[in-house]
PDB file of N, CA and C in Angstrom:
ATOM      1  N   MET A   1      19.176  10.009  -4.798  1.00  0.00           N
ATOM      2  CA  MET A   1      18.173   9.548  -5.742  1.00  0.00           C
ATOM      3  C   MET A   1      16.800  10.036  -5.278  1.00  0.00           C
ATOM      4  N   ASP A   2      16.091  10.668  -6.161  1.00  0.00           N
ATOM      5  CA  ASP A   2      14.795  11.227  -5.833  1.00  0.00           C
ATOM      6  C   ASP A   2      13.858  10.206  -5.253  1.00  0.00           C
ATOM      7  N   CYS A   3      13.842   9.038  -5.815  1.00  0.00           N
ATOM      8  CA  CYS A   3      12.947   7.981  -5.365  1.00  0.00           C
ATOM      9  C   CYS A   3      13.212   7.649  -3.887  1.00  0.00           C
ATOM     10  N   GLU A   4      14.467   7.492  -3.545  1.00  0.00           N
ATOM     11  CA  GLU A   4      14.824   7.185  -2.155  1.00  0.00           C
ATOM     12  C   GLU A   4      14.421   8.295  -1.224  1.00  0.00           C
ATOM     13  N   ARG A   5      14.638   9.540  -1.636  1.00  0.00           N
ATOM     14  CA  ARG A   5      14.191  10.658  -0.840  1.00  0.00           C
ATOM     15  C   ARG A   5      12.675  10.654  -0.629  1.00  0.00           C
ATOM     16  N   ASP A   6      11.920  10.306  -1.660  1.00  0.00           N
ATOM     17  CA  ASP A   6      10.458  10.225  -1.547  1.00  0.00           C
ATOM     18  C   ASP A   6      10.048   9.116  -0.620  1.00  0.00           C
ATOM     19  N   PHE A   7      10.731   7.964  -0.693  1.00  0.00           N
ATOM     20  CA  PHE A   7      10.445   6.851   0.267  1.00  0.00           C
ATOM     21  C   PHE A   7      10.694   7.298   1.684  1.00  0.00           C
ATOM     22  N   GLU A   8      11.810   7.955   1.915  1.00  0.00           N
ATOM     23  CA  GLU A   8      12.190   8.413   3.251  1.00  0.00           C
ATOM     24  C   GLU A   8      11.159   9.461   3.738  1.00  0.00           C
ATOM     25  N   THR A   9      10.782  10.375   2.892  1.00  0.00           N
ATOM     26  CA  THR A   9       9.759  11.378   3.252  1.00  0.00           C
ATOM     27  C   THR A   9       8.473  10.760   3.673  1.00  0.00           C
ATOM     28  N   THR A  10       8.043   9.698   2.950  1.00  0.00           N
ATOM     29  CA  THR A  10       6.835   8.987   3.288  1.00  0.00           C
ATOM     30  C   THR A  10       6.921   8.364   4.664  1.00  0.00           C
ATOM     31  N   LEU A  11       8.089   7.748   4.941  1.00  0.00           N
ATOM     32  CA  LEU A  11       8.257   7.117   6.265  1.00  0.00           C
ATOM     33  C   LEU A  11       8.230   8.155   7.390  1.00  0.00           C
ATOM     34  N   ILE A  12       8.805   9.302   7.163  1.00  0.00           N
ATOM     35  CA  ILE A  12       8.830  10.343   8.158  1.00  0.00           C
ATOM     36  C   ILE A  12       7.387  10.843   8.405  1.00  0.00           C
ATOM     37  N   ARG A  13       6.647  11.033   7.346  1.00  0.00           N
ATOM     38  CA  ARG A  13       5.232  11.431   7.484  1.00  0.00           C
ATOM     39  C   ARG A  13       4.395  10.350   8.220  1.00  0.00           C
ATOM     40  N   GLN A  14       4.638   9.096   7.932  1.00  0.00           N
ATOM     41  CA  GLN A  14       3.922   8.038   8.631  1.00  0.00           C
ATOM     42  C   GLN A  14       4.225   8.093  10.110  1.00  0.00           C
ATOM     43  N   ALA A  15       5.500   8.262  10.442  1.00  0.00           N
ATOM     44  CA  ALA A  15       5.936   8.312  11.865  1.00  0.00           C
ATOM     45  C   ALA A  15       5.231   9.499  12.569  1.00  0.00           C
ATOM     46  N   LYS A  16       5.181  10.665  11.897  1.00  0.00           N
ATOM     47  CA  LYS A  16       4.528  11.815  12.479  1.00  0.00           C
ATOM     48  C   LYS A  16       3.042  11.568  12.758  1.00  0.00           C
ATOM     49  N   PHE A  17       2.366  10.945  11.796  1.00  0.00           N
ATOM     50  CA  PHE A  17       0.932  10.660  11.965  1.00  0.00           C
ATOM     51  C   PHE A  17       0.709   9.582  13.032  1.00  0.00           C
ATOM     52  N   THR A  18       1.658   8.670  13.138  1.00  0.00           N
ATOM     53  CA  THR A  18       1.541   7.653  14.202  1.00  0.00           C
ATOM     54  C   THR A  18       1.585   8.318  15.578  1.00  0.00           C
ATOM     55  N   VAL A  19       2.428   9.280  15.752  1.00  0.00           N
ATOM     56  CA  VAL A  19       2.511  10.033  16.996  1.00  0.00           C
ATOM     57  C   VAL A  19       1.281  10.888  17.189  1.00  0.00           C
ATOM     58  N   LEU A  20       0.864  11.609  16.164  1.00  0.00           N
ATOM     59  CA  LEU A  20      -0.311  12.461  16.278  1.00  0.00           C
ATOM     60  C   LEU A  20      -1.576  11.719  16.657  1.00  0.00           C
ATOM     61  N   PHE A  21      -1.729  10.500  16.147  1.00  0.00           N
ATOM     62  CA  PHE A  21      -2.955   9.728  16.352  1.00  0.00           C
ATOM     63  C   PHE A  21      -2.758   8.598  17.390  1.00  0.00           C
ATOM     64  N   ALA A  22      -1.692   8.656  18.148  1.00  0.00           N
ATOM     65  CA  ALA A  22      -1.365   7.577  19.081  1.00  0.00           C
ATOM     66  C   ALA A  22      -2.502   7.379  20.125  1.00  0.00           C
ATOM     67  N   GLY A  23      -3.177   8.429  20.479  1.00  0.00           N
ATOM     68  CA  GLY A  23      -4.255   8.361  21.460  1.00  0.00           C
ATOM     69  C   GLY A  23      -5.628   7.956  20.916  1.00  0.00           C
ATOM     70  N   HIS A  24      -5.627   7.631  19.631  1.00  0.00           N
ATOM     71  CA  HIS A  24      -6.913   7.324  18.964  1.00  0.00           C
ATOM     72  C   HIS A  24      -6.877   5.902  18.411  1.00  0.00           C
ATOM     73  N   ARG A  25      -8.061   5.320  18.350  1.00  0.00           N
ATOM     74  CA  ARG A  25      -8.190   4.010  17.693  1.00  0.00           C
ATOM     75  C   ARG A  25      -7.922   4.210  16.198  1.00  0.00           C
ATOM     76  N   SER A  26      -7.326   3.210  15.581  1.00  0.00           N
ATOM     77  CA  SER A  26      -7.049   3.316  14.162  1.00  0.00           C
ATOM     78  C   SER A  26      -7.240   1.964  13.481  1.00  0.00           C
ATOM     79  N   PHE A  27      -7.380   2.010  12.206  1.00  0.00           N
ATOM     80  CA  PHE A  27      -7.557   0.789  11.435  1.00  0.00           C
ATOM     81  C   PHE A  27      -6.763   0.986  10.125  1.00  0.00           C
ATOM     82  N   SER A  28      -5.969   0.045   9.802  1.00  0.00           N
ATOM     83  CA  SER A  28      -5.117   0.166   8.626  1.00  0.00           C
ATOM     84  C   SER A  28      -5.543  -0.860   7.555  1.00  0.00           C
ATOM     85  N   ILE A  29      -5.774  -0.333   6.362  1.00  0.00           N
ATOM     86  CA  ILE A  29      -6.156  -1.212   5.251  1.00  0.00           C
ATOM     87  C   ILE A  29      -5.587  -0.574   3.985  1.00  0.00           C
ATOM     88  N   SER A  30      -5.055  -1.398   3.120  1.00  0.00           N
ATOM     89  CA  SER A  30      -4.467  -0.908   1.874  1.00  0.00           C
ATOM     90  C   SER A  30      -5.569  -0.728   0.817  1.00  0.00           C
ATOM     91  N   TYR A  31      -5.277   0.069  -0.150  1.00  0.00           N
ATOM     92  CA  TYR A  31      -6.223   0.269  -1.238  1.00  0.00           C
ATOM     93  C   TYR A  31      -6.535  -1.063  -1.906  1.00  0.00           C
ATOM     94  N   GLU A  32      -5.544  -1.883  -2.137  1.00  0.00           N
ATOM     95  CA  GLU A  32      -5.739  -3.203  -2.741  1.00  0.00           C
ATOM     96  C   GLU A  32      -6.683  -4.049  -1.900  1.00  0.00           C
ATOM     97  N   GLN A  33      -6.507  -4.028  -0.623  1.00  0.00           N
ATOM     98  CA  GLN A  33      -7.381  -4.840   0.273  1.00  0.00           C
ATOM     99  C   GLN A  33      -8.802  -4.295   0.229  1.00  0.00           C
ATOM    100  N   LEU A  34      -8.934  -2.995   0.172  1.00  0.00           N
ATOM    101  CA  LEU A  34     -10.238  -2.383   0.179  1.00  0.00           C
ATOM    102  C   LEU A  34     -11.067  -2.715  -1.075  1.00  0.00           C
ATOM    103  N   ILE A  35     -10.426  -2.663  -2.209  1.00  0.00           N
ATOM    104  CA  ILE A  35     -11.194  -2.931  -3.451  1.00  0.00           C
ATOM    105  C   ILE A  35     -11.243  -4.407  -3.850  1.00  0.00           C
ATOM    106  N   SER A  36     -10.469  -5.245  -3.191  1.00  0.00           N
ATOM    107  CA  SER A  36     -10.402  -6.656  -3.533  1.00  0.00           C
ATOM    108  C   SER A  36     -11.726  -7.370  -3.209  1.00  0.00           C
ATOM    109  N   GLY A  37     -12.465  -6.809  -2.245  1.00  0.00           N
ATOM    110  CA  GLY A  37     -13.690  -7.413  -1.846  1.00  0.00           C
ATOM    111  C   GLY A  37     -13.494  -8.581  -0.875  1.00  0.00           C
ATOM    112  N   GLU A  38     -12.250  -8.687  -0.393  1.00  0.00           N
ATOM    113  CA  GLU A  38     -11.986  -9.759   0.572  1.00  0.00           C
ATOM    114  C   GLU A  38     -12.863  -9.568   1.790  1.00  0.00           C
ATOM    115  N   ARG A  39     -13.756 -10.522   1.967  1.00  0.00           N
ATOM    116  CA  ARG A  39     -14.813 -10.427   3.003  1.00  0.00           C
ATOM    117  C   ARG A  39     -14.257 -10.222   4.395  1.00  0.00           C
ATOM    118  N   SER A  40     -13.234 -10.948   4.820  1.00  0.00           N
ATOM    119  CA  SER A  40     -12.739 -10.857   6.204  1.00  0.00           C
ATOM    120  C   SER A  40     -12.213  -9.446   6.514  1.00  0.00           C
ATOM    121  N   GLN A  41     -11.468  -8.877   5.571  1.00  0.00           N
ATOM    122  CA  GLN A  41     -10.930  -7.533   5.809  1.00  0.00           C
ATOM    123  C   GLN A  41     -12.041  -6.501   5.858  1.00  0.00           C
ATOM    124  N   LEU A  42     -12.999  -6.599   4.993  1.00  0.00           N
ATOM    125  CA  LEU A  42     -14.110  -5.644   4.950  1.00  0.00           C
ATOM    126  C   LEU A  42     -14.952  -5.773   6.230  1.00  0.00           C
ATOM    127  N   ASP A  43     -15.162  -7.012   6.680  1.00  0.00           N
ATOM    128  CA  ASP A  43     -15.901  -7.195   7.939  1.00  0.00           C
ATOM    129  C   ASP A  43     -15.191  -6.586   9.122  1.00  0.00           C
ATOM    130  N   LYS A  44     -13.871  -6.720   9.175  1.00  0.00           N
ATOM    131  CA  LYS A  44     -13.095  -6.087  10.205  1.00  0.00           C
ATOM    132  C   LYS A  44     -13.210  -4.581  10.169  1.00  0.00           C
ATOM    133  N   LEU A  45     -13.191  -4.021   8.973  1.00  0.00           N
ATOM    134  CA  LEU A  45     -13.336  -2.566   8.847  1.00  0.00           C
ATOM    135  C   LEU A  45     -14.722  -2.101   9.308  1.00  0.00           C
ATOM    136  N   LEU A  46     -15.755  -2.844   8.945  1.00  0.00           N
ATOM    137  CA  LEU A  46     -17.130  -2.443   9.361  1.00  0.00           C
ATOM    138  C   LEU A  46     -17.273  -2.558  10.885  1.00  0.00           C
ATOM    139  N   ARG A  47     -16.696  -3.597  11.469  1.00  0.00           N
ATOM    140  CA  ARG A  47     -16.765  -3.745  12.953  1.00  0.00           C
ATOM    141  C   ARG A  47     -16.031  -2.590  13.617  1.00  0.00           C
ATOM    142  N   PHE A  48     -14.864  -2.218  13.062  1.00  0.00           N
ATOM    143  CA  PHE A  48     -14.103  -1.076  13.589  1.00  0.00           C
ATOM    144  C   PHE A  48     -14.939   0.194  13.524  1.00  0.00           C
ATOM    145  N   LEU A  49     -15.676   0.394  12.447  1.00  0.00           N
ATOM    146  CA  LEU A  49     -16.516   1.560  12.267  1.00  0.00           C
ATOM    147  C   LEU A  49     -17.791   1.529  13.086  1.00  0.00           C
ATOM    148  N   GLY A  50     -18.109   0.335  13.628  1.00  0.00           N
ATOM    149  CA  GLY A  50     -19.289   0.205  14.446  1.00  0.00           C
ATOM    150  C   GLY A  50     -20.561   0.081  13.673  1.00  0.00           C
ATOM    151  N   VAL A  51     -20.485  -0.415  12.458  1.00  0.00           N
ATOM    152  CA  VAL A  51     -21.668  -0.624  11.628  1.00  0.00           C
ATOM    153  C   VAL A  51     -21.864  -2.065  11.349  1.00  0.00           C
ATOM    154  N   SER A  52     -23.087  -2.459  11.089  1.00  0.00           N
ATOM    155  CA  SER A  52     -23.347  -3.862  10.819  1.00  0.00           C
ATOM    156  C   SER A  52     -22.724  -4.296   9.494  1.00  0.00           C
ATOM    157  N   THR A  53     -22.357  -5.597   9.510  1.00  0.00           N
ATOM    158  CA  THR A  53     -21.764  -6.111   8.253  1.00  0.00           C
ATOM    159  C   THR A  53     -22.791  -6.128   7.147  1.00  0.00           C
ATOM    160  N   ARG A  54     -22.339  -5.888   5.983  1.00  0.00           N
ATOM    161  CA  ARG A  54     -23.218  -5.844   4.825  1.00  0.00           C
ATOM    162  C   ARG A  54     -22.356  -6.035   3.561  1.00  0.00           C
ATOM    163  N   GLU A  55     -22.999  -6.284   2.466  1.00  0.00           N
ATOM    164  CA  GLU A  55     -22.291  -6.431   1.224  1.00  0.00           C
ATOM    165  C   GLU A  55     -21.897  -5.023   0.725  1.00  0.00           C
ATOM    166  N   LEU A  56     -20.622  -4.857   0.467  1.00  0.00           N
ATOM    167  CA  LEU A  56     -20.131  -3.578  -0.046  1.00  0.00           C
ATOM    168  C   LEU A  56     -19.732  -3.702  -1.521  1.00  0.00           C
ATOM    169  N   THR A  57     -20.026  -2.680  -2.265  1.00  0.00           N
ATOM    170  CA  THR A  57     -19.620  -2.680  -3.694  1.00  0.00           C
ATOM    171  C   THR A  57     -18.970  -1.359  -3.973  1.00  0.00           C
ATOM    172  N   THR A  58     -18.232  -1.345  -5.078  1.00  0.00           N
ATOM    173  CA  THR A  58     -17.552  -0.117  -5.511  1.00  0.00           C
ATOM    174  C   THR A  58     -17.543  -0.085  -7.024  1.00  0.00           C
ATOM    175  N   THR A  59     -17.548   1.112  -7.531  1.00  0.00           N
ATOM    176  CA  THR A  59     -17.351   1.267  -8.965  1.00  0.00           C
ATOM    177  C   THR A  59     -15.923   1.729  -9.254  1.00  0.00           C
ATOM    178  N   THR A  60     -15.150   1.886  -8.204  1.00  0.00           N
ATOM    179  CA  THR A  60     -13.761   2.274  -8.327  1.00  0.00           C
ATOM    180  C   THR A  60     -12.976   1.142  -8.941  1.00  0.00           C
ATOM    181  N   ARG A  61     -12.150   1.417  -9.901  1.00  0.00           N
ATOM    182  CA  ARG A  61     -11.290   0.426 -10.516  1.00  0.00           C
ATOM    183  C   ARG A  61      -9.873   1.010 -10.618  1.00  0.00           C
ATOM    184  N   ARG A  62      -8.912   0.153 -10.494  1.00  0.00           N
ATOM    185  CA  ARG A  62      -7.531   0.562 -10.594  1.00  0.00           C
ATOM    186  C   ARG A  62      -7.235   0.986 -12.030  1.00  0.00           C
ATOM    187  N   LEU A  63      -6.685   2.147 -12.192  1.00  0.00           N
ATOM    188  CA  LEU A  63      -6.426   2.700 -13.501  1.00  0.00           C
ATOM    189  C   LEU A  63      -5.042   2.265 -14.032  1.00  0.00           C
ATOM    190  N   GLY A  64      -4.101   2.148 -13.086  1.00  0.00           N
ATOM    191  CA  GLY A  64      -2.738   1.831 -13.476  1.00  0.00           C
ATOM    192  C   GLY A  64      -2.575   0.359 -13.848  1.00  0.00           C
ATOM    193  N   ARG A  65      -1.477   0.067 -14.528  1.00  0.00           N
ATOM    194  CA  ARG A  65      -1.182  -1.311 -14.873  1.00  0.00           C
ATOM    195  C   ARG A  65      -0.592  -2.014 -13.654  1.00  0.00           C
ATOM    196  N   ASP A  66      -0.755  -3.321 -13.607  1.00  0.00           N
ATOM    197  CA  ASP A  66      -0.193  -4.083 -12.480  1.00  0.00           C
ATOM    198  C   ASP A  66       1.333  -4.222 -12.583  1.00  0.00           C
ATOM    199  N   ASN A  67       1.836  -4.231 -13.799  1.00  0.00           N
ATOM    200  CA  ASN A  67       3.253  -4.491 -13.971  1.00  0.00           C
ATOM    201  C   ASN A  67       4.033  -3.140 -13.940  1.00  0.00           C
ATOM    202  N   LEU A  68       4.716  -2.932 -12.805  1.00  0.00           N
ATOM    203  CA  LEU A  68       5.481  -1.658 -12.647  1.00  0.00           C
ATOM    204  C   LEU A  68       6.572  -1.521 -13.695  1.00  0.00           C
ATOM    205  N   ARG A  69       7.160  -2.629 -14.114  1.00  0.00           N
ATOM    206  CA  ARG A  69       8.270  -2.581 -15.107  1.00  0.00           C
ATOM    207  C   ARG A  69       7.786  -1.874 -16.384  1.00  0.00           C
ATOM    208  N   SER A  70       6.532  -2.046 -16.736  1.00  0.00           N
ATOM    209  CA  SER A  70       6.039  -1.486 -17.977  1.00  0.00           C
ATOM    210  C   SER A  70       5.755   0.019 -17.881  1.00  0.00           C
ATOM    211  N   VAL A  71       5.718   0.574 -16.665  1.00  0.00           N
ATOM    212  CA  VAL A  71       5.400   1.998 -16.517  1.00  0.00           C
ATOM    213  C   VAL A  71       6.525   2.835 -15.908  1.00  0.00           C
ATOM    214  N   ILE A  72       7.570   2.147 -15.386  1.00  0.00           N
ATOM    215  CA  ILE A  72       8.714   2.839 -14.787  1.00  0.00           C
ATOM    216  C   ILE A  72       9.905   2.595 -15.697  1.00  0.00           C
ATOM    217  N   ALA A  73      10.397   3.637 -16.347  1.00  0.00           N
ATOM    218  CA  ALA A  73      11.454   3.482 -17.378  1.00  0.00           C
ATOM    219  C   ALA A  73      12.717   2.832 -16.863  1.00  0.00           C
ATOM    220  N   ASN A  74      13.133   3.141 -15.640  1.00  0.00           N
ATOM    221  CA  ASN A  74      14.352   2.613 -15.063  1.00  0.00           C
ATOM    222  C   ASN A  74      14.079   1.625 -13.916  1.00  0.00           C
ATOM    223  N   TYR A  75      13.010   0.873 -14.097  1.00  0.00           N
ATOM    224  CA  TYR A  75      12.572  -0.094 -13.074  1.00  0.00           C
ATOM    225  C   TYR A  75      13.639  -1.026 -12.627  1.00  0.00           C
ATOM    226  N   ASP A  76      14.366  -1.633 -13.567  1.00  0.00           N
ATOM    227  CA  ASP A  76      15.402  -2.611 -13.201  1.00  0.00           C
ATOM    228  C   ASP A  76      16.550  -1.963 -12.392  1.00  0.00           C
ATOM    229  N   GLU A  77      16.893  -0.739 -12.788  1.00  0.00           N
ATOM    230  CA  GLU A  77      17.925   0.027 -12.063  1.00  0.00           C
ATOM    231  C   GLU A  77      17.472   0.302 -10.620  1.00  0.00           C
ATOM    232  N   LEU A  78      16.217   0.696 -10.449  1.00  0.00           N
ATOM    233  CA  LEU A  78      15.680   0.956  -9.124  1.00  0.00           C
ATOM    234  C   LEU A  78      15.604  -0.292  -8.266  1.00  0.00           C
ATOM    235  N   ARG A  79      15.149  -1.371  -8.900  1.00  0.00           N
ATOM    236  CA  ARG A  79      15.039  -2.641  -8.198  1.00  0.00           C
ATOM    237  C   ARG A  79      16.406  -3.097  -7.670  1.00  0.00           C
ATOM    238  N   GLU A  80      17.412  -2.965  -8.522  1.00  0.00           N
ATOM    239  CA  GLU A  80      18.777  -3.349  -8.125  1.00  0.00           C
ATOM    240  C   GLU A  80      19.300  -2.422  -7.037  1.00  0.00           C
ATOM    241  N   TYR A  81      19.045  -1.127  -7.150  1.00  0.00           N
ATOM    242  CA  TYR A  81      19.505  -0.151  -6.156  1.00  0.00           C
ATOM    243  C   TYR A  81      18.929  -0.436  -4.802  1.00  0.00           C
ATOM    244  N   PHE A  82      17.661  -0.769  -4.742  1.00  0.00           N
ATOM    245  CA  PHE A  82      16.956  -0.957  -3.477  1.00  0.00           C
ATOM    246  C   PHE A  82      16.921  -2.394  -2.999  1.00  0.00           C
ATOM    247  N   CYS A  83      17.539  -3.364  -3.721  1.00  0.00           N
ATOM    248  CA  CYS A  83      17.373  -4.760  -3.413  1.00  0.00           C
ATOM    249  C   CYS A  83      17.820  -5.171  -1.990  1.00  0.00           C
ATOM    250  N   GLU A  84      18.760  -4.471  -1.437  1.00  0.00           N
ATOM    251  CA  GLU A  84      19.237  -4.801  -0.055  1.00  0.00           C
ATOM    252  C   GLU A  84      18.727  -3.791   0.990  1.00  0.00           C
ATOM    253  N   SER A  85      17.792  -2.973   0.583  1.00  0.00           N
ATOM    254  CA  SER A  85      17.321  -1.929   1.506  1.00  0.00           C
ATOM    255  C   SER A  85      15.935  -2.302   2.069  1.00  0.00           C
ATOM    256  N   ARG A  86      15.481  -1.495   2.969  1.00  0.00           N
ATOM    257  CA  ARG A  86      14.149  -1.726   3.560  1.00  0.00           C
ATOM    258  C   ARG A  86      13.053  -1.425   2.541  1.00  0.00           C
ATOM    259  N   PHE A  87      13.412  -0.869   1.403  1.00  0.00           N
ATOM    260  CA  PHE A  87      12.431  -0.561   0.385  1.00  0.00           C
ATOM    261  C   PHE A  87      12.299  -1.644  -0.710  1.00  0.00           C
ATOM    262  N   ALA A  88      13.046  -2.713  -0.548  1.00  0.00           N
ATOM    263  CA  ALA A  88      13.044  -3.818  -1.531  1.00  0.00           C
ATOM    264  C   ALA A  88      11.663  -4.371  -1.722  1.00  0.00           C
ATOM    265  N   LYS A  89      10.830  -4.330  -0.650  1.00  0.00           N
ATOM    266  CA  LYS A  89       9.484  -4.870  -0.729  1.00  0.00           C
ATOM    267  C   LYS A  89       8.621  -4.249  -1.836  1.00  0.00           C
ATOM    268  N   PHE A  90       8.960  -3.018  -2.187  1.00  0.00           N
ATOM    269  CA  PHE A  90       8.144  -2.346  -3.252  1.00  0.00           C
ATOM    270  C   PHE A  90       8.400  -2.938  -4.615  1.00  0.00           C
ATOM    271  N   PHE A  91       9.459  -3.796  -4.706  1.00  0.00           N
ATOM    272  CA  PHE A  91       9.805  -4.375  -6.015  1.00  0.00           C
ATOM    273  C   PHE A  91       9.646  -5.881  -5.996  1.00  0.00           C
ATOM    274  N   GLU A  92       9.175  -6.468  -4.904  1.00  0.00           N
ATOM    275  CA  GLU A  92       9.059  -7.921  -4.795  1.00  0.00           C
ATOM    276  C   GLU A  92       8.011  -8.479  -5.761  1.00  0.00           C
ATOM    277  N   ASP A  93       6.930  -7.813  -6.017  1.00  0.00           N
ATOM    278  CA  ASP A  93       5.924  -8.302  -6.919  1.00  0.00           C
ATOM    279  C   ASP A  93       6.472  -8.680  -8.268  1.00  0.00           C
ATOM    280  N   SER A  94       7.289  -7.827  -8.808  1.00  0.00           N
ATOM    281  CA  SER A  94       7.848  -8.124 -10.093  1.00  0.00           C
ATOM    282  C   SER A  94       8.883  -9.226 -10.063  1.00  0.00           C
ATOM    283  N   ILE A  95       9.602  -9.319  -8.930  1.00  0.00           N
ATOM    284  CA  ILE A  95      10.589 -10.383  -8.786  1.00  0.00           C
ATOM    285  C   ILE A  95       9.917 -11.720  -8.844  1.00  0.00           C
ATOM    286  N   LYS A  96       8.724 -11.855  -8.173  1.00  0.00           N
ATOM    287  CA  LYS A  96       7.991 -13.118  -8.129  1.00  0.00           C
ATOM    288  C   LYS A  96       7.479 -13.521  -9.520  1.00  0.00           C
ATOM    289  N   ARG A  97       7.157 -12.534 -10.379  1.00  0.00           N
ATOM    290  CA  ARG A  97       6.580 -12.839 -11.668  1.00  0.00           C
ATOM    291  C   ARG A  97       7.595 -13.241 -12.740  1.00  0.00           C
ATOM    292  N   GLU A  98       8.885 -12.962 -12.472  1.00  0.00           N
ATOM    293  CA  GLU A  98       9.878 -13.187 -13.552  1.00  0.00           C
ATOM    294  C   GLU A  98      10.104 -14.693 -13.726  1.00  0.00           C
TER     295      GLU A  98
END
């Protein structure tokens, strides 16, 4: 399945970058955390960067829909296929909403 291959490729890339940057400080934040405006996460990021805390704003907005089922034609098939795998977490959001 192409989707599974893509998930695996992403994990392999992440592992390679983890090794490449092992000797460097790093900070991990998701896109959703970054644009949510959650103060504690943004403050942690600013401290990591060594800059004073301040109010941050963005004009960036999510363009995609929140509901993956509405944009992925075979969403239910994929969710079922991955339900017992380490990739099930990518489908949990929709499971909670049902």
